[in-house]
Amino acid sequence: MSKTKPGIAVVEEIVGTGPIVDNHQRVHILYDIQLNRGDFLARDERLTFRLNERGVIPGFRYGIEGMRVGGTRKFKASPHLCYAGKHVENLPEHAVLVVTIKSLELAKEQ
């Protein structure tokens, strides 16, 4: 398991063949989120955002940093990087989330 930022642990990765994503670029991802015990919270969700945008969940930003376009990555994110002490329905308190980035592409600028 490699570490990126404190609170993020990369579990597995397939390195893409494209460029490394930069914080100023817009990305489009396809992802799943699970609890550490395996229960799914989200499946095949799509999201387009700029990594350095305000409001982007830090766990996503830190988990994606350093990825190459076309790659995949599974990482564990600590609660403080995902929901920061907020009560989230159906989410146990202090739950570590497992995020699988199934697809990472550059999005067209708007």
Protein backbone atom coordinates (compact mmCIF):
# COMPACT_ATOMS: atom_id res chain seq x y z
CA MET A 1 0.00 0.00 0.00
CA SER A 2 1.49 3.34 -0.97
CA LYS A 3 0.68 6.64 0.71
CA THR A 4 -0.09 9.89 -1.03
CA LYS A 5 -1.29 12.43 1.56
CA PRO A 6 -1.94 11.69 5.24
CA GLY A 7 -5.34 10.00 5.45
CA ILE A 8 -5.14 8.50 1.94
CA ALA A 9 -3.77 5.03 1.23
CA VAL A 10 -3.62 3.74 -2.34
CA VAL A 11 -4.61 0.06 -2.36
CA GLU A 12 -4.23 -0.78 -6.04
CA GLU A 13 -3.60 1.05 -9.24
CA ILE A 14 -3.37 0.55 -12.95
CA VAL A 15 -1.23 3.35 -14.32
CA GLY A 16 -2.76 5.06 -17.34
CA THR A 17 -0.90 5.89 -20.51
CA GLY A 18 -1.93 9.56 -20.64
CA PRO A 19 -0.54 12.62 -18.90
CA ILE A 20 -0.53 13.06 -15.14
CA VAL A 21 -3.57 15.11 -14.15
CA ASP A 22 -2.74 18.61 -13.01
CA ASN A 23 -4.73 20.41 -10.28
CA HIS A 24 -5.95 23.06 -12.74
CA GLN A 25 -7.45 20.61 -15.24
CA ARG A 26 -11.07 19.46 -15.31
CA VAL A 27 -11.45 15.72 -14.98
CA HIS A 28 -14.33 13.33 -15.57
CA ILE A 29 -14.38 10.24 -13.35
CA LEU A 30 -16.46 7.10 -13.00
CA TYR A 31 -16.30 5.81 -9.43
CA ASP A 32 -17.67 3.54 -6.70
CA ILE A 33 -17.62 4.20 -2.95
CA GLN A 34 -17.72 1.41 -0.37
CA LEU A 35 -17.43 1.08 3.34
CA ASN A 36 -14.30 -0.72 4.50
CA ARG A 37 -16.44 -3.82 5.18
CA GLY A 38 -17.61 -3.90 1.55
CA ASP A 39 -21.08 -2.32 1.57
CA PHE A 40 -21.60 -0.02 -1.42
CA LEU A 41 -22.63 3.59 -0.85
CA ALA A 42 -22.39 4.52 -4.56
CA ARG A 43 -21.88 2.55 -7.78
CA ASP A 44 -20.99 3.76 -11.24
CA GLU A 45 -21.33 7.42 -10.30
CA ARG A 46 -19.98 10.07 -12.65
CA LEU A 47 -18.49 13.39 -11.66
CA THR A 48 -16.77 16.20 -13.55
CA PHE A 49 -14.74 18.77 -11.64
CA ARG A 50 -11.47 20.67 -11.43
CA LEU A 51 -9.21 19.21 -8.72
CA ASN A 52 -8.48 22.61 -7.20
CA GLU A 53 -12.14 23.76 -7.08
CA ARG A 54 -13.57 24.87 -3.77
CA GLY A 55 -16.08 22.36 -2.53
CA VAL A 56 -14.31 19.31 -3.95
CA ILE A 57 -14.12 16.67 -1.23
CA PRO A 58 -10.46 16.56 -0.16
CA GLY A 59 -10.49 12.75 -0.14
CA PHE A 60 -11.28 12.76 -3.87
CA ARG A 61 -8.70 15.44 -4.68
CA TYR A 62 -5.91 13.78 -2.71
CA GLY A 63 -6.83 10.30 -3.92
CA ILE A 64 -6.71 11.35 -7.57
CA GLU A 65 -3.56 13.49 -7.39
CA GLY A 66 -0.74 11.91 -9.38
CA MET A 67 -3.02 9.71 -11.50
CA ARG A 68 -2.51 9.43 -15.24
CA VAL A 69 -5.35 9.77 -17.73
CA GLY A 70 -6.68 6.31 -18.59
CA GLY A 71 -5.65 4.86 -15.23
CA THR A 72 -7.66 3.35 -12.40
CA ARG A 73 -7.08 3.54 -8.67
CA LYS A 74 -8.56 2.22 -5.47
CA PHE A 75 -7.80 4.12 -2.30
CA LYS A 76 -8.91 4.31 1.31
CA ALA A 77 -9.80 7.75 2.63
CA SER A 78 -10.04 8.72 6.28
CA PRO A 79 -13.29 10.25 7.52
CA HIS A 80 -11.76 13.71 8.10
CA LEU A 81 -11.04 13.96 4.36
CA CYS A 82 -14.52 12.87 3.26
CA TYR A 83 -17.25 14.05 5.55
CA ALA A 84 -15.38 15.93 8.29
CA GLY A 85 -17.51 15.00 11.29
CA LYS A 86 -20.82 15.70 9.56
CA HIS A 87 -23.61 13.21 10.12
CA VAL A 88 -24.27 11.35 6.88
CA GLU A 89 -27.27 9.04 6.72
CA ASN A 90 -26.38 5.33 6.38
CA LEU A 91 -22.73 6.04 7.18
CA PRO A 92 -21.29 4.72 10.44
CA GLU A 93 -19.43 7.28 12.52
CA HIS A 94 -15.67 7.32 11.79
CA ALA A 95 -16.07 5.07 8.73
CA VAL A 96 -13.12 4.77 6.35
CA LEU A 97 -14.31 4.95 2.76
CA VAL A 98 -12.91 2.87 -0.08
CA VAL A 99 -13.09 4.75 -3.37
CA THR A 100 -12.53 3.04 -6.71
CA ILE A 101 -11.78 5.37 -9.60
CA LYS A 102 -12.84 3.19 -12.51
CA SER A 103 -12.13 5.75 -15.23
CA LEU A 104 -10.27 9.06 -15.34
CA GLU A 105 -10.39 11.34 -18.39
CA LEU A 106 -9.76 14.99 -19.07
CA ALA A 107 -13.00 16.93 -19.45
CA LYS A 108 -13.54 19.68 -22.01
CA GLU A 109 -13.11 23.18 -20.64
CA GLN A 110 -16.32 25.17 -20.25
